Amino acid sequence: MSTAPLAYITGASSGIGQALALRYYRAGYRLALVARREAELRQWAEGERLEASRVAVYGADVRDIASITGAGRACIEAQGLPDVVIANAGISIGIDTALFEDIEMMRTVYETNNIGMAATFQPFVTPMRTRGSGTLVGIASVAGIRGLPGHGAYCSSKAAVISYCESLRGELRDRNVKVVTIAPGYVATPLTQKNRYSMPFLMQAEDFADSAFRAIVRGRRYRVIPWQMAVVARLLRALPNALFDLVLVGRPRKHRQGE
């Protein structure tokens, strides 16, 4: 078995996940890539001419606990225990609480962004504790700092990611297992291209992946990317509620599914 480090990445079939996969590959890592769209992910890897000996693809749905934990165990058996696990899979869909059907959509967002993250990490926690090393990375969002119109499901799910990773970091600190929270601002991906509001400091996925890679390698506990959005995040957190509400006047709602 190769001694090159191993990166395990969910949601690797598009956007940030693909960009992170390429960044780790170019840094010499072996890859364990996970997505629901397994065939599409394999096709992408072949199109990028990634060496088959360095890349394994696992088909799994993070909403299905048995499926995603099974992918983790399969990775350990086939490729060994990863050095870094990136729980990147996530969805962003607007909701309207007045609509009955959107409550079910909220469940879908939580199952993907929150339960899916915990289930992604689960197979690796005990082995990393035993080994005494490893890094678990949760992809949060600047949207987790304050609630935005129509974004109740997504904002609250990403706020939960930030708190969850903080809790996990405290649990694993004495075993030398790092937990890193990455909070992207706006990144040009299929997830954001339908947004109907301005997206300040929009980054290309490749630039985001490069910054995230450096933060993860350095073991940063929490990093907002890009730095300009880190400033915005601090300001948003500090705004009194009345002033924050005024800032949001006239801001378009996040689009619902099908809009």
C-alpha atoms as a PDB file:
ATOM      1  CA  MET A   1       0.000   0.000   0.000  1.00  0.00           C
ATOM      2  CA  SER A   2       1.260   3.492  -0.902  1.00  0.00           C
ATOM      3  CA  THR A   3       2.619   5.612   1.920  1.00  0.00           C
ATOM      4  CA  ALA A   4       1.300   8.830   0.347  1.00  0.00           C
ATOM      5  CA  PRO A   5      -1.218  10.615   2.580  1.00  0.00           C
ATOM      6  CA  LEU A   6      -4.907   9.978   1.934  1.00  0.00           C
ATOM      7  CA  ALA A   7      -7.732  12.541   1.665  1.00  0.00           C
ATOM      8  CA  TYR A   8     -11.367  11.437   1.908  1.00  0.00           C
ATOM      9  CA  ILE A   9     -13.798  13.970   0.407  1.00  0.00           C
ATOM     10  CA  THR A  10     -17.598  13.830   0.183  1.00  0.00           C
ATOM     11  CA  GLY A  11     -19.618  15.760  -2.361  1.00  0.00           C
ATOM     12  CA  ALA A  12     -16.758  15.331  -4.802  1.00  0.00           C
ATOM     13  CA  SER A  13     -18.827  15.219  -7.991  1.00  0.00           C
ATOM     14  CA  SER A  14     -19.005  19.003  -8.463  1.00  0.00           C
ATOM     15  CA  GLY A  15     -18.091  22.461  -7.220  1.00  0.00           C
ATOM     16  CA  ILE A  16     -15.998  22.841  -4.089  1.00  0.00           C
ATOM     17  CA  GLY A  17     -15.609  19.080  -3.702  1.00  0.00           C
ATOM     18  CA  GLN A  18     -14.031  18.665  -7.129  1.00  0.00           C
ATOM     19  CA  ALA A  19     -11.769  21.664  -6.596  1.00  0.00           C
ATOM     20  CA  LEU A  20     -10.584  20.264  -3.246  1.00  0.00           C
ATOM     21  CA  ALA A  21      -9.989  16.857  -4.832  1.00  0.00           C
ATOM     22  CA  LEU A  22      -7.752  18.370  -7.515  1.00  0.00           C
ATOM     23  CA  ARG A  23      -5.865  20.470  -4.968  1.00  0.00           C
ATOM     24  CA  TYR A  24      -5.105  17.476  -2.780  1.00  0.00           C
ATOM     25  CA  TYR A  25      -4.197  15.328  -5.776  1.00  0.00           C
ATOM     26  CA  ARG A  26      -1.711  17.946  -6.999  1.00  0.00           C
ATOM     27  CA  ALA A  27      -0.199  18.040  -3.496  1.00  0.00           C
ATOM     28  CA  GLY A  28       0.615  14.327  -3.813  1.00  0.00           C
ATOM     29  CA  TYR A  29      -2.274  12.870  -1.837  1.00  0.00           C
ATOM     30  CA  ARG A  30      -4.167   9.717  -2.661  1.00  0.00           C
ATOM     31  CA  LEU A  31      -7.886  10.337  -2.920  1.00  0.00           C
ATOM     32  CA  ALA A  32     -11.023   8.648  -1.642  1.00  0.00           C
ATOM     33  CA  LEU A  33     -13.876  10.470  -3.383  1.00  0.00           C
ATOM     34  CA  VAL A  34     -17.507  10.060  -2.381  1.00  0.00           C
ATOM     35  CA  ALA A  35     -20.696  11.138  -4.153  1.00  0.00           C
ATOM     36  CA  ARG A  36     -24.208   9.959  -4.963  1.00  0.00           C
ATOM     37  CA  ARG A  37     -23.432  10.342  -8.662  1.00  0.00           C
ATOM     38  CA  GLU A  38     -20.753   7.671  -8.721  1.00  0.00           C
ATOM     39  CA  ALA A  39     -20.659   7.209 -12.510  1.00  0.00           C
ATOM     40  CA  GLU A  40     -20.383  10.947 -13.087  1.00  0.00           C
ATOM     41  CA  LEU A  41     -17.574  11.184 -10.533  1.00  0.00           C
ATOM     42  CA  ARG A  42     -15.646   8.358 -12.196  1.00  0.00           C
ATOM     43  CA  GLN A  43     -16.080  10.017 -15.581  1.00  0.00           C
ATOM     44  CA  TRP A  44     -14.758  13.292 -14.189  1.00  0.00           C
ATOM     45  CA  ALA A  45     -11.701  11.589 -12.650  1.00  0.00           C
ATOM     46  CA  GLU A  46     -10.932   9.898 -15.946  1.00  0.00           C
ATOM     47  CA  GLY A  47     -11.403  13.172 -17.817  1.00  0.00           C
ATOM     48  CA  GLU A  48      -8.900  14.854 -15.494  1.00  0.00           C
ATOM     49  CA  ARG A  49      -6.513  11.946 -16.106  1.00  0.00           C
ATOM     50  CA  LEU A  50      -6.109  11.197 -12.426  1.00  0.00           C
ATOM     51  CA  GLU A  51      -3.971   8.110 -11.867  1.00  0.00           C
ATOM     52  CA  ALA A  52      -6.236   5.165 -11.095  1.00  0.00           C
ATOM     53  CA  SER A  53      -3.720   3.880  -8.535  1.00  0.00           C
ATOM     54  CA  ARG A  54      -4.136   7.069  -6.512  1.00  0.00           C
ATOM     55  CA  VAL A  55      -7.904   7.504  -6.701  1.00  0.00           C
ATOM     56  CA  ALA A  56     -10.836   5.422  -5.438  1.00  0.00           C
ATOM     57  CA  VAL A  57     -14.479   6.359  -5.915  1.00  0.00           C
ATOM     58  CA  TYR A  58     -17.278   5.380  -3.527  1.00  0.00           C
ATOM     59  CA  GLY A  59     -20.949   5.799  -4.301  1.00  0.00           C
ATOM     60  CA  ALA A  60     -22.876   6.897  -1.213  1.00  0.00           C
ATOM     61  CA  ASP A  61     -25.662   9.251  -0.124  1.00  0.00           C
ATOM     62  CA  VAL A  62     -24.881  11.246   3.027  1.00  0.00           C
ATOM     63  CA  ARG A  63     -28.603  11.264   3.885  1.00  0.00           C
ATOM     64  CA  ASP A  64     -28.473   7.463   4.159  1.00  0.00           C
ATOM     65  CA  ILE A  65     -26.535   6.746   7.354  1.00  0.00           C
ATOM     66  CA  ALA A  66     -25.839   3.122   6.440  1.00  0.00           C
ATOM     67  CA  SER A  67     -24.635   4.179   2.995  1.00  0.00           C
ATOM     68  CA  ILE A  68     -22.209   6.914   4.038  1.00  0.00           C
ATOM     69  CA  THR A  69     -20.788   5.099   7.079  1.00  0.00           C
ATOM     70  CA  GLY A  70     -20.383   2.029   4.870  1.00  0.00           C
ATOM     71  CA  ALA A  71     -18.350   4.090   2.403  1.00  0.00           C
ATOM     72  CA  GLY A  72     -16.066   5.176   5.231  1.00  0.00           C
ATOM     73  CA  ARG A  73     -15.481   1.627   6.376  1.00  0.00           C
ATOM     74  CA  ALA A  74     -14.871   0.517   2.779  1.00  0.00           C
ATOM     75  CA  CYS A  75     -12.259   3.254   2.405  1.00  0.00           C
ATOM     76  CA  ILE A  76     -10.413   2.130   5.537  1.00  0.00           C
ATOM     77  CA  GLU A  77     -10.412  -1.472   4.339  1.00  0.00           C
ATOM     78  CA  ALA A  78      -9.314  -0.708   0.782  1.00  0.00           C
ATOM     79  CA  GLN A  79      -7.018   2.301   1.189  1.00  0.00           C
ATOM     80  CA  GLY A  80      -6.230   2.593   4.875  1.00  0.00           C
ATOM     81  CA  LEU A  81      -7.185   5.241   7.423  1.00  0.00           C
ATOM     82  CA  PRO A  82      -7.278   8.726   5.852  1.00  0.00           C
ATOM     83  CA  ASP A  83      -5.086  11.549   7.056  1.00  0.00           C
ATOM     84  CA  VAL A  84      -7.827  14.084   6.365  1.00  0.00           C
ATOM     85  CA  VAL A  85     -11.590  13.649   6.041  1.00  0.00           C
ATOM     86  CA  ILE A  86     -13.524  16.526   4.460  1.00  0.00           C
ATOM     87  CA  ALA A  87     -17.300  16.488   4.980  1.00  0.00           C
ATOM     88  CA  ASN A  88     -18.125  18.729   2.056  1.00  0.00           C
ATOM     89  CA  ALA A  89     -21.443  17.362   0.762  1.00  0.00           C
ATOM     90  CA  GLY A  90     -24.201  19.887   1.256  1.00  0.00           C
ATOM     91  CA  ILE A  91     -27.225  21.535  -0.300  1.00  0.00           C
ATOM     92  CA  SER A  92     -28.616  25.060  -0.300  1.00  0.00           C
ATOM     93  CA  ILE A  93     -32.348  25.432  -0.942  1.00  0.00           C
ATOM     94  CA  GLY A  94     -34.602  28.296   0.035  1.00  0.00           C
ATOM     95  CA  ILE A  95     -37.739  27.653   2.076  1.00  0.00           C
ATOM     96  CA  ASP A  96     -40.922  29.472   2.990  1.00  0.00           C
ATOM     97  CA  THR A  97     -42.208  28.408   6.403  1.00  0.00           C
ATOM     98  CA  ALA A  98     -45.744  29.351   5.348  1.00  0.00           C
ATOM     99  CA  LEU A  99     -45.708  26.473   2.841  1.00  0.00           C
ATOM    100  CA  PHE A 100     -46.385  23.023   4.269  1.00  0.00           C
ATOM    101  CA  GLU A 101     -44.194  21.228   1.717  1.00  0.00           C
ATOM    102  CA  ASP A 102     -41.166  23.327   2.621  1.00  0.00           C
ATOM    103  CA  ILE A 103     -41.007  21.848   6.106  1.00  0.00           C
ATOM    104  CA  GLU A 104     -40.095  18.548   4.478  1.00  0.00           C
ATOM    105  CA  MET A 105     -37.444  20.398   2.462  1.00  0.00           C
ATOM    106  CA  MET A 106     -36.008  21.718   5.711  1.00  0.00           C
ATOM    107  CA  ARG A 107     -35.688  18.128   6.911  1.00  0.00           C
ATOM    108  CA  THR A 108     -33.775  17.295   3.720  1.00  0.00           C
ATOM    109  CA  VAL A 109     -31.352  20.170   4.281  1.00  0.00           C
ATOM    110  CA  TYR A 110     -30.671  19.113   7.886  1.00  0.00           C
ATOM    111  CA  GLU A 111     -30.281  15.447   6.954  1.00  0.00           C
ATOM    112  CA  THR A 112     -27.726  16.381   4.298  1.00  0.00           C
ATOM    113  CA  ASN A 113     -25.789  19.202   5.934  1.00  0.00           C
ATOM    114  CA  ASN A 114     -25.832  18.047   9.568  1.00  0.00           C
ATOM    115  CA  ILE A 115     -26.651  14.367  10.063  1.00  0.00           C
ATOM    116  CA  GLY A 116     -24.712  13.630   6.879  1.00  0.00           C
ATOM    117  CA  MET A 117     -21.628  15.357   8.272  1.00  0.00           C
ATOM    118  CA  ALA A 118     -21.714  13.460  11.558  1.00  0.00           C
ATOM    119  CA  ALA A 119     -22.248  10.175   9.692  1.00  0.00           C
ATOM    120  CA  THR A 120     -19.322  11.014   7.399  1.00  0.00           C
ATOM    121  CA  PHE A 121     -16.993  11.447  10.371  1.00  0.00           C
ATOM    122  CA  GLN A 122     -18.310   8.511  12.437  1.00  0.00           C
ATOM    123  CA  PRO A 123     -16.267   5.619  10.933  1.00  0.00           C
ATOM    124  CA  PHE A 124     -13.011   7.540  11.349  1.00  0.00           C
ATOM    125  CA  VAL A 125     -13.260   8.934  14.877  1.00  0.00           C
ATOM    126  CA  THR A 126     -12.251   5.848  16.873  1.00  0.00           C
ATOM    127  CA  PRO A 127      -9.465   4.745  14.476  1.00  0.00           C
ATOM    128  CA  MET A 128      -8.003   8.274  14.449  1.00  0.00           C
ATOM    129  CA  ARG A 129      -8.161   8.409  18.235  1.00  0.00           C
ATOM    130  CA  THR A 130      -6.331   5.090  18.395  1.00  0.00           C
ATOM    131  CA  ARG A 131      -3.706   6.226  15.892  1.00  0.00           C
ATOM    132  CA  GLY A 132      -3.334   9.567  17.629  1.00  0.00           C
ATOM    133  CA  SER A 133      -3.550  11.664  14.480  1.00  0.00           C
ATOM    134  CA  GLY A 134      -5.870  12.833  11.741  1.00  0.00           C
ATOM    135  CA  THR A 135      -7.910  15.842  10.668  1.00  0.00           C
ATOM    136  CA  LEU A 136     -11.679  16.102  10.333  1.00  0.00           C
ATOM    137  CA  VAL A 137     -12.880  19.052   8.263  1.00  0.00           C
ATOM    138  CA  GLY A 138     -16.410  20.434   8.298  1.00  0.00           C
ATOM    139  CA  ILE A 139     -17.448  22.767   5.486  1.00  0.00           C
ATOM    140  CA  ALA A 140     -19.701  25.412   7.047  1.00  0.00           C
ATOM    141  CA  SER A 141     -20.577  28.809   5.524  1.00  0.00           C
ATOM    142  CA  VAL A 142     -20.562  32.505   6.296  1.00  0.00           C
ATOM    143  CA  ALA A 143     -24.350  32.070   6.033  1.00  0.00           C
ATOM    144  CA  GLY A 144     -24.144  30.299   9.382  1.00  0.00           C
ATOM    145  CA  ILE A 145     -23.276  33.588  11.109  1.00  0.00           C
ATOM    146  CA  ARG A 146     -26.675  35.329  10.749  1.00  0.00           C
ATOM    147  CA  GLY A 147     -30.047  34.342   9.289  1.00  0.00           C
ATOM    148  CA  LEU A 148     -30.946  35.580   5.785  1.00  0.00           C
ATOM    149  CA  PRO A 149     -34.388  35.878   4.137  1.00  0.00           C
ATOM    150  CA  GLY A 150     -35.629  32.617   2.644  1.00  0.00           C
ATOM    151  CA  HIS A 151     -32.470  30.953   3.901  1.00  0.00           C
ATOM    152  CA  GLY A 152     -33.818  29.631   7.202  1.00  0.00           C
ATOM    153  CA  ALA A 153     -32.935  26.008   6.505  1.00  0.00           C
ATOM    154  CA  TYR A 154     -29.477  26.627   5.076  1.00  0.00           C
ATOM    155  CA  CYS A 155     -28.366  29.328   7.528  1.00  0.00           C
ATOM    156  CA  SER A 156     -29.491  27.338  10.558  1.00  0.00           C
ATOM    157  CA  SER A 157     -27.893  24.147   9.209  1.00  0.00           C
ATOM    158  CA  LYS A 158     -24.546  25.886   8.734  1.00  0.00           C
ATOM    159  CA  ALA A 159     -24.763  27.497  12.170  1.00  0.00           C
ATOM    160  CA  ALA A 160     -25.209  23.959  13.474  1.00  0.00           C
ATOM    161  CA  VAL A 161     -22.129  22.819  11.521  1.00  0.00           C
ATOM    162  CA  ILE A 162     -20.044  25.498  13.238  1.00  0.00           C
ATOM    163  CA  SER A 163     -21.264  24.504  16.717  1.00  0.00           C
ATOM    164  CA  TYR A 164     -21.011  20.778  16.010  1.00  0.00           C
ATOM    165  CA  CYS A 165     -17.417  21.018  14.816  1.00  0.00           C
ATOM    166  CA  GLU A 166     -16.536  23.148  17.823  1.00  0.00           C
ATOM    167  CA  SER A 167     -17.979  20.482  20.114  1.00  0.00           C
ATOM    168  CA  LEU A 168     -16.154  17.706  18.294  1.00  0.00           C
ATOM    169  CA  ARG A 169     -12.894  19.640  18.457  1.00  0.00           C
ATOM    170  CA  GLY A 170     -13.136  19.735  22.237  1.00  0.00           C
ATOM    171  CA  GLU A 171     -13.895  16.018  22.409  1.00  0.00           C
ATOM    172  CA  LEU A 172     -10.873  15.008  20.317  1.00  0.00           C
ATOM    173  CA  ARG A 173      -8.278  17.533  21.455  1.00  0.00           C
ATOM    174  CA  ASP A 174      -6.566  15.192  23.929  1.00  0.00           C
ATOM    175  CA  ARG A 175      -6.109  12.523  21.223  1.00  0.00           C
ATOM    176  CA  ASN A 176      -4.269  14.788  18.771  1.00  0.00           C
ATOM    177  CA  VAL A 177      -7.122  14.593  16.261  1.00  0.00           C
ATOM    178  CA  LYS A 178      -7.749  18.000  14.742  1.00  0.00           C
ATOM    179  CA  VAL A 179     -11.149  19.373  13.785  1.00  0.00           C
ATOM    180  CA  VAL A 180     -11.096  22.224  11.280  1.00  0.00           C
ATOM    181  CA  THR A 181     -14.112  24.372  10.380  1.00  0.00           C
ATOM    182  CA  ILE A 182     -13.971  26.080   6.973  1.00  0.00           C
ATOM    183  CA  ALA A 183     -16.618  28.737   6.326  1.00  0.00           C
ATOM    184  CA  PRO A 184     -16.698  29.774   2.659  1.00  0.00           C
ATOM    185  CA  GLY A 185     -18.154  33.031   1.489  1.00  0.00           C
ATOM    186  CA  TYR A 186     -19.535  33.016  -2.046  1.00  0.00           C
ATOM    187  CA  VAL A 187     -17.862  30.504  -4.364  1.00  0.00           C
ATOM    188  CA  ALA A 188     -18.710  30.164  -8.054  1.00  0.00           C
ATOM    189  CA  THR A 189     -20.279  26.673  -8.194  1.00  0.00           C
ATOM    190  CA  PRO A 190     -23.511  25.120  -9.473  1.00  0.00           C
ATOM    191  CA  LEU A 191     -24.867  25.679  -5.947  1.00  0.00           C
ATOM    192  CA  THR A 192     -24.560  29.480  -6.196  1.00  0.00           C
ATOM    193  CA  GLN A 193     -25.163  30.168  -9.876  1.00  0.00           C
ATOM    194  CA  LYS A 194     -28.945  30.434  -9.381  1.00  0.00           C
ATOM    195  CA  ASN A 195     -28.715  33.002  -6.585  1.00  0.00           C
ATOM    196  CA  ARG A 196     -30.719  36.116  -7.424  1.00  0.00           C
ATOM    197  CA  TYR A 197     -28.913  38.493  -5.097  1.00  0.00           C
ATOM    198  CA  SER A 198     -25.463  40.071  -5.118  1.00  0.00           C
ATOM    199  CA  MET A 199     -22.562  37.880  -4.010  1.00  0.00           C
ATOM    200  CA  PRO A 200     -19.699  40.092  -2.800  1.00  0.00           C
ATOM    201  CA  PHE A 201     -16.134  38.784  -3.004  1.00  0.00           C
ATOM    202  CA  LEU A 202     -17.207  35.861  -5.218  1.00  0.00           C
ATOM    203  CA  MET A 203     -14.334  33.359  -5.510  1.00  0.00           C
ATOM    204  CA  GLN A 204     -13.510  30.774  -8.103  1.00  0.00           C
ATOM    205  CA  ALA A 205     -13.646  27.237  -6.710  1.00  0.00           C
ATOM    206  CA  GLU A 206      -9.948  26.652  -7.443  1.00  0.00           C
ATOM    207  CA  ASP A 207      -8.921  29.724  -5.446  1.00  0.00           C
ATOM    208  CA  PHE A 208     -11.125  28.666  -2.547  1.00  0.00           C
ATOM    209  CA  ALA A 209      -9.619  25.154  -2.600  1.00  0.00           C
ATOM    210  CA  ASP A 210      -6.093  26.547  -2.484  1.00  0.00           C
ATOM    211  CA  SER A 211      -6.870  28.718   0.555  1.00  0.00           C
ATOM    212  CA  ALA A 212      -8.765  25.891   2.279  1.00  0.00           C
ATOM    213  CA  PHE A 213      -5.915  23.442   1.666  1.00  0.00           C
ATOM    214  CA  ARG A 214      -3.425  25.775   3.350  1.00  0.00           C
ATOM    215  CA  ALA A 215      -5.720  26.338   6.338  1.00  0.00           C
ATOM    216  CA  ILE A 216      -6.316  22.600   6.781  1.00  0.00           C
ATOM    217  CA  VAL A 217      -2.619  21.701   6.508  1.00  0.00           C
ATOM    218  CA  ARG A 218      -1.831  24.326   9.149  1.00  0.00           C
ATOM    219  CA  GLY A 219      -4.516  22.908  11.425  1.00  0.00           C
ATOM    220  CA  ARG A 220      -6.507  26.135  11.713  1.00  0.00           C
ATOM    221  CA  ARG A 221      -9.470  25.641  14.021  1.00  0.00           C
ATOM    222  CA  TYR A 222     -11.814  27.996  12.171  1.00  0.00           C
ATOM    223  CA  ARG A 223     -11.269  29.882   8.946  1.00  0.00           C
ATOM    224  CA  VAL A 224     -13.535  32.094   6.864  1.00  0.00           C
ATOM    225  CA  ILE A 225     -12.536  32.238   3.188  1.00  0.00           C
ATOM    226  CA  PRO A 226     -11.868  34.723   1.607  1.00  0.00           C
ATOM    227  CA  TRP A 227     -10.425  37.055   4.232  1.00  0.00           C
ATOM    228  CA  GLN A 228     -12.726  39.872   3.113  1.00  0.00           C
ATOM    229  CA  MET A 229     -15.724  37.756   4.108  1.00  0.00           C
ATOM    230  CA  ALA A 230     -14.071  37.133   7.472  1.00  0.00           C
ATOM    231  CA  VAL A 231     -14.259  40.880   8.059  1.00  0.00           C
ATOM    232  CA  VAL A 232     -17.900  40.924   6.920  1.00  0.00           C
ATOM    233  CA  ALA A 233     -18.653  37.980   9.222  1.00  0.00           C
ATOM    234  CA  ARG A 234     -17.219  39.776  12.248  1.00  0.00           C
ATOM    235  CA  LEU A 235     -19.246  42.874  11.420  1.00  0.00           C
ATOM    236  CA  LEU A 236     -22.442  40.860  10.959  1.00  0.00           C
ATOM    237  CA  ARG A 237     -21.918  39.113  14.264  1.00  0.00           C
ATOM    238  CA  ALA A 238     -21.456  42.436  16.032  1.00  0.00           C
ATOM    239  CA  LEU A 239     -24.472  44.241  14.507  1.00  0.00           C
ATOM    240  CA  PRO A 240     -27.394  44.867  16.881  1.00  0.00           C
ATOM    241  CA  ASN A 241     -30.527  43.033  15.768  1.00  0.00           C
ATOM    242  CA  ALA A 242     -32.404  46.215  14.841  1.00  0.00           C
ATOM    243  CA  LEU A 243     -29.569  47.404  12.602  1.00  0.00           C
ATOM    244  CA  PHE A 244     -29.125  43.965  11.052  1.00  0.00           C
ATOM    245  CA  ASP A 245     -32.840  43.905  10.168  1.00  0.00           C
ATOM    246  CA  LEU A 246     -32.473  47.277   8.444  1.00  0.00           C
ATOM    247  CA  VAL A 247     -29.528  46.013   6.405  1.00  0.00           C
ATOM    248  CA  LEU A 248     -31.723  43.212   5.051  1.00  0.00           C
ATOM    249  CA  VAL A 249     -34.557  45.471   3.889  1.00  0.00           C
ATOM    250  CA  GLY A 250     -35.165  44.836   0.187  1.00  0.00           C
ATOM    251  CA  ARG A 251     -32.837  41.842  -0.026  1.00  0.00           C
ATOM    252  CA  PRO A 252     -34.350  39.144  -2.299  1.00  0.00           C
ATOM    253  CA  ARG A 253     -35.274  35.830  -0.712  1.00  0.00           C
ATOM    254  CA  LYS A 254     -33.282  32.712  -1.440  1.00  0.00           C
ATOM    255  CA  HIS A 255     -35.024  30.855  -4.266  1.00  0.00           C
ATOM    256  CA  ARG A 256     -37.073  27.783  -3.424  1.00  0.00           C
ATOM    257  CA  GLN A 257     -36.636  24.490  -5.230  1.00  0.00           C
ATOM    258  CA  GLY A 258     -38.066  24.783  -8.724  1.00  0.00           C
ATOM    259  CA  GLU A 259     -37.999  28.580  -8.788  1.00  0.00           C
END
